[in-house]
Amino acid sequence: MDEKVEINRSYETLDGDDDVLLLGQATFTVRRFKELAYSKFNKIMLQTYVAETNQREKSIIQWIQYLSINEETKIMGGDINWKSPPEGIDCQILKIGSKGWQKGKLQIELNQTLQSWQTQVCIKFSPDEPPEKKSPLDDIRQSEEYKKLSNNK
């Protein structure tokens, strides 16, 4: 696929926690994948903090908690953001109620607030093939009034 097209993909947040992701040979529910990403990210942050603190040096986390412009000017940091590559990660998804696996790209975003140390995980998906466009008439065709009219012909 063209590189420009890859970057301009439209990603949607995966909210179906019981949907299944296939990455290579590994499968995860969306819920479990979020839990693992959350756990690994927090473990890295904690290990970095503990390892560097034990050496009596400031940890990376301590360095980025605020930006010291000069003695009087210190600006508190807000968030640490981690994102997977913009071109996405090859994967497949099996959504509850769907007809089968859908190939596409996955993006992962983690956001940790420096003041509260809370981490949020967002998993997004972009299908390789756009979903079938729904006709505006499909809803009308499914209505009881339409069915009655079409049976009277």
Foldseek 3Di string as FASTA:
>chain_A
DDPVCLLVFDKDWDPQQQKWKFAPNDIDRNVVVQVVVQVVVVVVVVVQCVVQVVVVHHGPLNPQQWDDPDPVDIGGDFKDKDKDDSSFGWMWIGDVPDPDIFTWGKMWMWIATSVVRDIDITIITGTPDDDDDDDPCPVVCPDPVNVVVVVVD
